[in-house]
Each structure stands twice: as structure tokens, then as C-alpha cells.
Protein backbone atom coordinates (compact mmCIF):
# COMPACT_ATOMS: atom_id res chain seq x y z
CA UNK A 1 235.03 35.72 -4.27
CA UNK A 2 236.76 33.97 -7.15
CA UNK A 3 238.75 31.06 -8.52
CA UNK A 4 242.39 30.77 -7.37
CA UNK A 5 244.94 27.97 -7.36
CA UNK A 6 248.27 27.62 -5.57
CA UNK A 7 249.01 31.28 -4.80
CA UNK A 8 248.37 31.32 -1.02
CA UNK A 9 245.31 33.53 -1.44
CA UNK A 10 243.51 32.34 1.71
CA UNK A 11 246.57 32.83 3.91
CA UNK A 12 247.30 36.25 2.42
CA UNK A 13 243.66 37.32 2.86
CA UNK A 14 243.70 36.11 6.46
CA UNK A 15 246.89 38.06 7.18
CA UNK A 16 245.54 41.24 5.57
CA UNK A 17 242.20 40.89 7.40
CA UNK A 18 243.98 40.49 10.73
CA UNK A 19 246.23 43.47 9.96
CA UNK A 20 243.15 45.61 9.28
CA UNK A 21 241.16 44.26 12.24
CA UNK A 22 238.50 42.53 10.12
CA UNK A 23 236.67 39.51 11.58
CA UNK A 24 235.29 36.53 9.66
CA UNK A 25 236.64 33.60 7.67
CA UNK A 26 237.91 32.44 4.28
CA UNK A 27 237.78 28.98 2.64
CA UNK A 28 238.22 27.18 -0.66
CA UNK A 29 235.11 25.86 -2.40
CA UNK A 30 234.81 22.59 -4.32
CA UNK A 31 234.50 24.48 -7.64
CA UNK A 32 237.97 26.04 -7.16
CA UNK A 33 236.68 29.43 -5.99
CA UNK A 34 237.38 31.13 -2.67
CA UNK A 35 234.62 32.29 -0.34
CA UNK A 36 234.98 34.71 2.55
CA UNK A 37 232.80 36.39 5.13
CA UNK A 38 234.06 39.79 6.29
CA UNK A 39 232.94 41.88 9.27
CA UNK A 40 234.19 45.29 10.31
CA UNK A 41 233.83 49.02 9.82
CA UNK A 42 232.77 50.06 6.31
CA UNK A 43 236.03 51.88 5.48
CA UNK A 44 238.15 48.93 6.60
CA UNK A 45 235.98 46.49 4.66
CA UNK A 46 236.36 48.64 1.55
CA UNK A 47 240.14 48.52 1.98
CA UNK A 48 240.14 44.72 2.35
CA UNK A 49 237.82 44.26 -0.62
CA UNK A 50 240.10 46.48 -2.72
CA UNK A 51 243.03 44.28 -1.65
CA UNK A 52 241.00 41.13 -2.43
CA UNK A 53 240.41 42.36 -6.00
CA UNK A 54 244.22 42.26 -6.50
CA UNK A 55 245.13 39.45 -4.09
CA UNK A 56 248.68 38.40 -3.27
CA UNK A 57 251.53 38.95 -5.71
CA UNK A 58 251.01 35.79 -7.82
CA UNK A 59 247.20 35.89 -7.87
CA UNK A 60 245.05 36.74 -10.85
CA UNK A 61 241.59 37.71 -9.61
CA UNK A 62 239.05 37.70 -12.43
CA UNK A 63 235.89 38.33 -10.44
CA UNK A 64 234.85 39.38 -6.96
CA UNK A 65 231.21 39.25 -5.86
CA UNK A 66 230.02 41.17 -2.81
CA UNK A 67 226.87 39.53 -1.42
CA UNK A 68 225.08 39.57 1.95
CA UNK A 69 225.89 36.59 4.21
CA UNK A 70 223.74 33.49 4.31
CA UNK A 71 221.40 33.45 7.32
CA UNK A 72 223.35 30.65 9.05
CA UNK A 73 226.62 32.66 8.76
CA UNK A 74 225.17 35.99 9.89
CA UNK A 75 226.55 36.14 13.43
CA UNK A 76 229.44 37.99 15.09
CA UNK A 77 232.95 36.58 14.60
CA UNK A 78 235.76 37.35 17.05
CA UNK A 79 238.79 36.98 14.76
CA UNK A 80 239.65 35.93 11.24
CA UNK A 81 240.35 32.30 10.39
CA UNK A 82 240.78 29.88 7.52
CA UNK A 83 237.94 27.39 7.42
CA UNK A 84 238.09 23.89 5.89
CA UNK A 85 237.12 23.66 2.23
CA UNK A 86 233.43 23.55 1.44
């Protein structure tokens, strides 16, 4: 996803994902970026990705990368949660 600091991005993404019915997770990475795995219908994922490009009110999102999941993460998720930092 991208680099964010102190704007509540993970919590806002979680709340928006739950509102839209998207499953998966979000976490901070050691380099200061945020990583997320999203699962859901294509139209709903597009809506969440569009939201993620803006982020919450105080966020400044400079880059968003959309990549396939790593093999070890490619499994069904039941809800959306915040994972510990990687």
C-alpha cells in the first residue's frame, strides 16, 4: 500500500472494509508502509481500493500498489482485522 504515520490509516481501512463487507487484514510494515490483503467481490474491492488511495481525512497517500497475494496468505479470511506490524 504505502507509507503513513499517525493518521489512523489501519483503523480507518478496517472500518471501511467491514462496512463494505471485505475480508482480509491490514498491518504496518517496518519500513513505515502499510500492507493489506483484501478479499471480496470485484466491485466492492474497487470501491475500497479507491478509498485507500485517499485514506482517512489526515492521510496523504503517495502510492498504492495492487499485487496478487503471497502464496502463504492466499486463503479465505472470515472478517477484516488489524494484524501486528511486520
